[in-house]
């Protein structure tokens, strides 16, 4: 379990790549990405099926992103997490956040061994709201 001090540190990082971001407004990945952008984060959508989401260039994978990514927020099935974590390590991310229902103990341990902070089976938006938006501008609605 990740404690509040570590969550606050992760939430202070400015750039979040949202892996599995959907262009569909009804999808949780879309709502969380929009919330984070409105809260002041630089949000980078990652989804190989789209060239643009939320008016932002969408990348097919983490390795294609040409700028620094601090947090990799994952909206993929648990069995798909390991290669994403390995790419997060390759790009020098500081944290991997696995959203509600997503967990992969071996990938999480690999990320920790590489020096990344890890949150699993939790929602970045919910924690941002609960902790009052540390490090970023707070908004009250998505």
N, C-alpha and C. Protein backbone atom coordinates (compact mmCIF):
# COMPACT_ATOMS: atom_id res chain seq x y z
N UNK A 1 0.85 -1.19 0.00
CA UNK A 1 0.00 0.00 0.00
C UNK A 1 0.89 1.24 0.00
N UNK A 2 0.58 2.17 -0.85
CA UNK A 2 1.33 3.41 -0.95
C UNK A 2 0.75 4.43 0.02
N UNK A 3 1.62 5.04 0.82
CA UNK A 3 1.17 6.02 1.80
C UNK A 3 0.96 7.39 1.18
N UNK A 4 0.29 8.25 1.94
CA UNK A 4 0.00 9.60 1.45
C UNK A 4 1.23 10.41 1.07
N UNK A 5 2.33 10.35 1.82
CA UNK A 5 3.51 11.14 1.39
C UNK A 5 4.01 10.73 0.00
N UNK A 6 4.04 9.42 -0.26
CA UNK A 6 4.49 8.97 -1.58
C UNK A 6 3.46 9.34 -2.66
N UNK A 7 2.17 9.22 -2.34
CA UNK A 7 1.14 9.63 -3.30
C UNK A 7 1.28 11.11 -3.63
N UNK A 8 1.52 11.93 -2.61
CA UNK A 8 1.69 13.37 -2.84
C UNK A 8 2.89 13.64 -3.74
N UNK A 9 3.96 12.90 -3.53
CA UNK A 9 5.13 13.07 -4.39
C UNK A 9 4.79 12.72 -5.84
N UNK A 10 4.15 11.58 -6.05
CA UNK A 10 3.78 11.17 -7.41
C UNK A 10 2.84 12.21 -8.04
N UNK A 11 1.88 12.69 -7.25
CA UNK A 11 0.93 13.66 -7.77
C UNK A 11 1.56 15.03 -8.02
N UNK A 12 2.77 15.24 -7.55
CA UNK A 12 3.45 16.51 -7.82
C UNK A 12 4.18 16.50 -9.16
N UNK A 13 4.34 15.33 -9.77
CA UNK A 13 5.02 15.25 -11.06
C UNK A 13 4.15 15.87 -12.16
N UNK A 14 4.73 16.63 -13.08
CA UNK A 14 3.93 17.44 -14.01
C UNK A 14 3.36 16.74 -15.24
N UNK A 15 3.95 15.62 -15.66
CA UNK A 15 3.56 15.02 -16.94
C UNK A 15 3.12 13.59 -16.74
N UNK A 16 1.93 13.27 -17.30
CA UNK A 16 1.34 11.94 -17.15
C UNK A 16 1.01 11.38 -18.53
N UNK A 17 1.56 10.20 -18.83
CA UNK A 17 1.17 9.48 -20.04
C UNK A 17 0.05 8.53 -19.63
N UNK A 18 -1.09 8.60 -20.31
CA UNK A 18 -2.24 7.76 -20.00
C UNK A 18 -2.31 6.64 -21.03
N UNK A 19 -1.84 5.46 -20.62
CA UNK A 19 -1.79 4.30 -21.52
C UNK A 19 -3.15 3.63 -21.53
N UNK A 20 -3.72 3.53 -22.73
CA UNK A 20 -5.06 2.99 -22.88
C UNK A 20 -6.11 4.09 -22.86
N UNK A 21 -5.68 5.32 -23.07
CA UNK A 21 -6.60 6.45 -23.10
C UNK A 21 -7.60 6.27 -24.23
N UNK A 22 -8.85 6.51 -23.94
CA UNK A 22 -9.91 6.33 -24.93
C UNK A 22 -10.48 7.68 -25.38
N UNK A 23 -10.86 7.78 -26.65
CA UNK A 23 -11.53 9.00 -27.10
C UNK A 23 -13.00 9.05 -26.69
N UNK A 24 -13.53 7.93 -26.17
CA UNK A 24 -14.93 7.86 -25.77
C UNK A 24 -15.12 8.51 -24.41
N UNK A 25 -15.97 9.52 -24.35
CA UNK A 25 -16.20 10.26 -23.11
C UNK A 25 -16.74 9.38 -21.99
N UNK A 26 -17.39 8.28 -22.31
CA UNK A 26 -17.96 7.40 -21.30
C UNK A 26 -16.92 6.49 -20.63
N UNK A 27 -15.72 6.45 -21.16
CA UNK A 27 -14.69 5.55 -20.62
C UNK A 27 -13.93 6.20 -19.46
N UNK A 28 -13.63 5.44 -18.41
CA UNK A 28 -12.87 6.00 -17.28
C UNK A 28 -11.53 6.62 -17.69
N UNK A 29 -10.85 6.03 -18.64
CA UNK A 29 -9.55 6.58 -19.05
C UNK A 29 -9.70 7.99 -19.62
N UNK A 30 -10.76 8.22 -20.34
CA UNK A 30 -11.03 9.54 -20.91
C UNK A 30 -11.32 10.54 -19.79
N UNK A 31 -12.20 10.14 -18.86
CA UNK A 31 -12.58 11.03 -17.76
C UNK A 31 -11.38 11.38 -16.89
N UNK A 32 -10.55 10.41 -16.58
CA UNK A 32 -9.38 10.66 -15.74
C UNK A 32 -8.38 11.54 -16.47
N UNK A 33 -8.13 11.27 -17.75
CA UNK A 33 -7.19 12.09 -18.52
C UNK A 33 -7.69 13.54 -18.59
N UNK A 34 -8.97 13.72 -18.84
CA UNK A 34 -9.53 15.08 -18.90
C UNK A 34 -9.42 15.77 -17.55
N UNK A 35 -9.74 15.06 -16.49
CA UNK A 35 -9.62 15.61 -15.14
C UNK A 35 -8.18 16.06 -14.87
N UNK A 36 -7.23 15.18 -15.15
CA UNK A 36 -5.82 15.51 -14.89
C UNK A 36 -5.38 16.72 -15.71
N UNK A 37 -5.79 16.78 -16.96
CA UNK A 37 -5.44 17.93 -17.79
C UNK A 37 -6.03 19.21 -17.19
N UNK A 38 -7.30 19.15 -16.78
CA UNK A 38 -7.95 20.32 -16.19
C UNK A 38 -7.33 20.70 -14.85
N UNK A 39 -6.68 19.74 -14.19
CA UNK A 39 -6.02 19.99 -12.92
C UNK A 39 -4.62 20.57 -13.11
N UNK A 40 -4.19 20.72 -14.36
CA UNK A 40 -2.90 21.35 -14.62
C UNK A 40 -1.78 20.44 -15.05
N UNK A 41 -2.06 19.16 -15.21
CA UNK A 41 -1.02 18.24 -15.68
C UNK A 41 -0.88 18.31 -17.19
N UNK A 42 0.31 17.99 -17.66
CA UNK A 42 0.53 17.75 -19.09
C UNK A 42 0.15 16.30 -19.29
N UNK A 43 -0.92 16.05 -20.04
CA UNK A 43 -1.43 14.70 -20.26
C UNK A 43 -1.10 14.28 -21.69
N UNK A 44 -0.49 13.11 -21.80
CA UNK A 44 -0.12 12.57 -23.10
C UNK A 44 -0.87 11.25 -23.30
N UNK A 45 -1.83 11.21 -24.24
CA UNK A 45 -2.56 9.97 -24.49
C UNK A 45 -1.69 8.95 -25.22
N UNK A 46 -1.85 7.67 -24.82
CA UNK A 46 -1.14 6.57 -25.47
C UNK A 46 -2.17 5.52 -25.85
N UNK A 47 -2.34 5.34 -27.17
CA UNK A 47 -3.27 4.35 -27.69
C UNK A 47 -2.94 4.17 -29.17
N UNK A 48 -2.53 2.98 -29.58
CA UNK A 48 -2.11 2.78 -30.97
C UNK A 48 -3.23 2.94 -32.00
N UNK A 49 -4.47 2.97 -31.56
CA UNK A 49 -5.59 3.06 -32.49
C UNK A 49 -5.99 4.47 -32.89
N UNK A 50 -5.34 5.49 -32.31
CA UNK A 50 -5.77 6.86 -32.55
C UNK A 50 -4.58 7.79 -32.71
N UNK A 51 -4.75 8.83 -33.52
CA UNK A 51 -3.67 9.81 -33.70
C UNK A 51 -3.87 11.02 -32.79
N UNK A 52 -5.10 11.21 -32.28
CA UNK A 52 -5.38 12.33 -31.40
C UNK A 52 -6.51 11.97 -30.44
N UNK A 53 -6.33 12.35 -29.17
CA UNK A 53 -7.37 12.20 -28.15
C UNK A 53 -7.30 13.45 -27.28
N UNK A 54 -8.46 13.99 -26.94
CA UNK A 54 -8.55 15.20 -26.11
C UNK A 54 -7.81 16.38 -26.75
N UNK A 55 -7.74 16.39 -28.07
CA UNK A 55 -7.04 17.47 -28.76
C UNK A 55 -5.53 17.39 -28.65
N UNK A 56 -5.02 16.28 -28.14
CA UNK A 56 -3.57 16.07 -27.99
C UNK A 56 -3.12 14.97 -28.94
N UNK A 57 -1.89 15.09 -29.43
CA UNK A 57 -1.30 14.01 -30.22
C UNK A 57 -1.28 12.76 -29.37
N UNK A 58 -1.71 11.65 -29.95
CA UNK A 58 -1.76 10.37 -29.26
C UNK A 58 -0.64 9.49 -29.81
N UNK A 59 0.08 8.85 -28.94
CA UNK A 59 1.22 8.03 -29.34
C UNK A 59 0.87 6.54 -29.25
N UNK A 60 1.46 5.72 -30.12
CA UNK A 60 1.14 4.28 -30.10
C UNK A 60 1.73 3.54 -28.90
N UNK A 61 2.81 4.08 -28.32
CA UNK A 61 3.42 3.47 -27.15
C UNK A 61 4.30 4.50 -26.44
N UNK A 62 4.76 4.15 -25.27
CA UNK A 62 5.57 5.09 -24.48
C UNK A 62 6.87 5.45 -25.15
N UNK A 63 7.47 4.52 -25.87
CA UNK A 63 8.77 4.76 -26.49
C UNK A 63 8.73 5.83 -27.58
N UNK A 64 7.56 6.11 -28.12
CA UNK A 64 7.42 7.11 -29.19
C UNK A 64 7.25 8.53 -28.67
N UNK A 65 7.03 8.70 -27.39
CA UNK A 65 6.79 10.04 -26.82
C UNK A 65 8.11 10.80 -26.78
N UNK A 66 8.16 11.98 -27.42
CA UNK A 66 9.43 12.71 -27.53
C UNK A 66 9.76 13.62 -26.35
N UNK A 67 8.97 13.59 -25.30
CA UNK A 67 9.23 14.46 -24.15
C UNK A 67 9.27 13.63 -22.87
N UNK A 68 9.72 14.26 -21.80
CA UNK A 68 9.86 13.58 -20.52
C UNK A 68 8.49 13.21 -19.95
N UNK A 69 8.34 11.95 -19.58
CA UNK A 69 7.14 11.46 -18.92
C UNK A 69 7.53 11.11 -17.49
N UNK A 70 6.78 11.62 -16.53
CA UNK A 70 7.06 11.36 -15.13
C UNK A 70 6.21 10.21 -14.59
N UNK A 71 4.92 10.20 -14.94
CA UNK A 71 4.00 9.17 -14.44
C UNK A 71 3.38 8.46 -15.63
N UNK A 72 3.38 7.13 -15.57
CA UNK A 72 2.69 6.32 -16.57
C UNK A 72 1.44 5.77 -15.89
N UNK A 73 0.28 6.28 -16.30
CA UNK A 73 -1.01 5.90 -15.73
C UNK A 73 -1.63 4.85 -16.65
N UNK A 74 -1.83 3.64 -16.14
CA UNK A 74 -2.17 2.49 -16.99
C UNK A 74 -3.64 2.08 -16.86
N UNK A 75 -4.32 2.12 -18.00
CA UNK A 75 -5.71 1.65 -18.15
C UNK A 75 -5.71 0.46 -19.11
N UNK A 76 -5.02 -0.59 -18.75
CA UNK A 76 -4.98 -1.81 -19.58
C UNK A 76 -5.23 -2.99 -18.65
N UNK A 77 -5.53 -4.13 -19.23
CA UNK A 77 -5.73 -5.34 -18.42
C UNK A 77 -4.43 -5.71 -17.71
N UNK A 78 -4.57 -6.30 -16.56
CA UNK A 78 -3.41 -6.67 -15.74
C UNK A 78 -2.39 -7.50 -16.51
N UNK A 79 -2.85 -8.41 -17.35
CA UNK A 79 -1.91 -9.26 -18.08
C UNK A 79 -1.11 -8.49 -19.14
N UNK A 80 -1.47 -7.25 -19.43
CA UNK A 80 -0.76 -6.43 -20.40
C UNK A 80 0.22 -5.44 -19.76
N UNK A 81 0.36 -5.49 -18.44
CA UNK A 81 1.12 -4.48 -17.71
C UNK A 81 2.63 -4.63 -17.84
N UNK A 82 3.15 -5.84 -17.84
CA UNK A 82 4.60 -6.04 -17.81
C UNK A 82 5.35 -5.30 -18.92
N UNK A 83 4.96 -5.42 -20.19
CA UNK A 83 5.71 -4.67 -21.22
C UNK A 83 5.57 -3.15 -21.07
N UNK A 84 4.45 -2.70 -20.54
CA UNK A 84 4.27 -1.26 -20.30
C UNK A 84 5.23 -0.79 -19.22
N UNK A 85 5.34 -1.56 -18.15
CA UNK A 85 6.27 -1.21 -17.07
C UNK A 85 7.70 -1.21 -17.61
N UNK A 86 8.05 -2.18 -18.42
CA UNK A 86 9.40 -2.21 -18.99
C UNK A 86 9.67 -0.99 -19.85
N UNK A 87 8.67 -0.56 -20.61
CA UNK A 87 8.83 0.67 -21.40
C UNK A 87 8.93 1.89 -20.48
N UNK A 88 8.18 1.91 -19.39
CA UNK A 88 8.26 3.02 -18.44
C UNK A 88 9.66 3.14 -17.87
N UNK A 89 10.28 2.00 -17.58
CA UNK A 89 11.66 2.00 -17.09
C UNK A 89 12.58 2.54 -18.18
N UNK A 90 12.40 2.08 -19.42
CA UNK A 90 13.26 2.51 -20.54
C UNK A 90 13.21 4.03 -20.77
N UNK A 91 12.04 4.63 -20.60
CA UNK A 91 11.93 6.07 -20.86
C UNK A 91 12.30 6.91 -19.65
N UNK A 92 12.61 6.28 -18.55
CA UNK A 92 13.02 7.03 -17.36
C UNK A 92 11.88 7.65 -16.57
N UNK A 93 10.69 7.05 -16.64
CA UNK A 93 9.57 7.55 -15.84
C UNK A 93 9.92 7.43 -14.36
N UNK A 94 9.27 8.22 -13.54
CA UNK A 94 9.50 8.18 -12.10
C UNK A 94 8.47 7.33 -11.37
N UNK A 95 7.31 7.09 -12.01
CA UNK A 95 6.25 6.33 -11.35
C UNK A 95 5.37 5.62 -12.36
N UNK A 96 4.81 4.51 -11.91
CA UNK A 96 3.79 3.78 -12.66
C UNK A 96 2.56 3.71 -11.78
N UNK A 97 1.43 4.12 -12.36
CA UNK A 97 0.16 4.11 -11.62
C UNK A 97 -0.78 3.16 -12.35
N UNK A 98 -1.14 2.05 -11.70
CA UNK A 98 -2.07 1.08 -12.27
C UNK A 98 -3.46 1.38 -11.72
N UNK A 99 -4.37 1.69 -12.61
CA UNK A 99 -5.71 2.14 -12.22
C UNK A 99 -6.52 1.04 -11.55
N UNK A 100 -7.71 1.40 -11.09
CA UNK A 100 -8.60 0.46 -10.41
C UNK A 100 -8.71 -0.85 -11.18
N UNK A 101 -8.55 -1.96 -10.48
CA UNK A 101 -8.70 -3.28 -11.08
C UNK A 101 -7.45 -3.76 -11.81
N UNK A 102 -6.39 -2.97 -11.83
CA UNK A 102 -5.17 -3.34 -12.54
C UNK A 102 -4.06 -3.59 -11.52
N UNK A 103 -3.50 -4.79 -11.58
CA UNK A 103 -2.39 -5.14 -10.69
C UNK A 103 -1.57 -6.23 -11.37
N UNK A 104 -0.28 -6.20 -11.15
CA UNK A 104 0.63 -7.23 -11.68
C UNK A 104 1.85 -7.25 -10.75
N UNK A 105 1.81 -8.09 -9.70
CA UNK A 105 2.87 -8.09 -8.70
C UNK A 105 4.28 -8.19 -9.26
N UNK A 106 4.51 -9.04 -10.25
CA UNK A 106 5.86 -9.17 -10.80
C UNK A 106 6.30 -7.89 -11.51
N UNK A 107 5.41 -7.29 -12.28
CA UNK A 107 5.74 -6.03 -12.96
C UNK A 107 5.95 -4.91 -11.96
N UNK A 108 5.13 -4.90 -10.92
CA UNK A 108 5.27 -3.87 -9.88
C UNK A 108 6.62 -3.98 -9.20
N UNK A 109 7.04 -5.21 -8.89
CA UNK A 109 8.34 -5.43 -8.25
C UNK A 109 9.47 -5.03 -9.20
N UNK A 110 9.33 -5.35 -10.47
CA UNK A 110 10.34 -4.96 -11.46
C UNK A 110 10.47 -3.44 -11.52
N UNK A 111 9.35 -2.75 -11.48
CA UNK A 111 9.38 -1.28 -11.50
C UNK A 111 10.07 -0.74 -10.26
N UNK A 112 9.72 -1.30 -9.11
CA UNK A 112 10.35 -0.84 -7.86
C UNK A 112 11.87 -1.08 -7.88
N UNK A 113 12.28 -2.25 -8.35
CA UNK A 113 13.72 -2.55 -8.43
C UNK A 113 14.44 -1.56 -9.34
N UNK A 114 13.73 -1.04 -10.34
CA UNK A 114 14.31 -0.06 -11.27
C UNK A 114 14.25 1.36 -10.71
N UNK A 115 13.67 1.52 -9.50
CA UNK A 115 13.63 2.82 -8.87
C UNK A 115 12.36 3.62 -9.08
N UNK A 116 11.35 3.02 -9.71
CA UNK A 116 10.08 3.72 -9.92
C UNK A 116 9.18 3.56 -8.70
N UNK A 117 8.39 4.57 -8.44
CA UNK A 117 7.34 4.48 -7.44
C UNK A 117 6.17 3.77 -8.12
N UNK A 118 5.42 2.99 -7.34
CA UNK A 118 4.35 2.19 -7.92
C UNK A 118 3.08 2.33 -7.09
N UNK A 119 1.97 2.57 -7.80
CA UNK A 119 0.64 2.52 -7.20
C UNK A 119 -0.15 1.52 -8.04
N UNK A 120 -0.87 0.62 -7.37
CA UNK A 120 -1.67 -0.34 -8.14
C UNK A 120 -3.08 -0.41 -7.59
N UNK A 121 -3.99 -0.76 -8.49
CA UNK A 121 -5.40 -0.94 -8.15
C UNK A 121 -5.96 0.29 -7.42
N UNK A 122 -5.69 1.46 -7.97
CA UNK A 122 -6.15 2.72 -7.38
C UNK A 122 -6.36 3.74 -8.49
N UNK A 123 -7.13 4.75 -8.21
CA UNK A 123 -7.45 5.76 -9.23
C UNK A 123 -6.69 7.06 -8.96
N UNK A 124 -5.95 7.52 -9.93
CA UNK A 124 -5.17 8.74 -9.80
C UNK A 124 -6.08 9.95 -9.57
N UNK A 125 -7.19 10.00 -10.26
CA UNK A 125 -8.13 11.11 -10.09
C UNK A 125 -8.70 11.12 -8.67
N UNK A 126 -9.12 9.96 -8.18
CA UNK A 126 -9.70 9.87 -6.85
C UNK A 126 -8.69 10.29 -5.78
N UNK A 127 -7.45 9.84 -5.92
CA UNK A 127 -6.42 10.21 -4.95
C UNK A 127 -6.08 11.69 -5.04
N UNK A 128 -6.07 12.23 -6.24
CA UNK A 128 -5.83 13.67 -6.41
C UNK A 128 -6.90 14.46 -5.68
N UNK A 129 -8.15 14.08 -5.86
CA UNK A 129 -9.26 14.75 -5.19
C UNK A 129 -9.16 14.60 -3.67
N UNK A 130 -8.88 13.38 -3.22
CA UNK A 130 -8.81 13.12 -1.78
C UNK A 130 -7.71 13.92 -1.10
N UNK A 131 -6.58 14.04 -1.77
CA UNK A 131 -5.44 14.73 -1.17
C UNK A 131 -5.41 16.22 -1.49
N UNK A 132 -6.45 16.71 -2.14
CA UNK A 132 -6.55 18.14 -2.40
C UNK A 132 -5.68 18.65 -3.52
N UNK A 133 -5.28 17.75 -4.40
CA UNK A 133 -4.52 18.19 -5.57
C UNK A 133 -3.12 18.67 -5.29
N UNK A 134 -2.32 17.94 -4.52
CA UNK A 134 -0.97 18.39 -4.20
C UNK A 134 -0.15 18.64 -5.45
N UNK A 135 0.48 19.80 -5.47
CA UNK A 135 1.39 20.12 -6.55
C UNK A 135 0.73 20.61 -7.82
N UNK A 136 -0.55 20.53 -7.92
CA UNK A 136 -1.26 20.95 -9.13
C UNK A 136 -2.47 21.77 -8.72
N UNK A 137 -3.03 22.46 -9.66
CA UNK A 137 -4.25 23.22 -9.43
C UNK A 137 -5.41 22.24 -9.17
N UNK A 138 -6.23 22.50 -8.16
CA UNK A 138 -7.34 21.62 -7.84
C UNK A 138 -8.60 22.04 -8.58
N UNK A 139 -9.29 21.07 -9.14
CA UNK A 139 -10.59 21.32 -9.76
C UNK A 139 -11.59 20.40 -9.08
N UNK A 140 -12.86 20.77 -9.11
CA UNK A 140 -13.85 19.99 -8.39
C UNK A 140 -14.66 19.08 -9.27
N UNK A 141 -14.62 19.25 -10.57
CA UNK A 141 -15.37 18.36 -11.46
C UNK A 141 -14.49 17.95 -12.63
N UNK A 142 -14.90 16.86 -13.25
CA UNK A 142 -14.18 16.41 -14.45
C UNK A 142 -14.54 17.33 -15.57
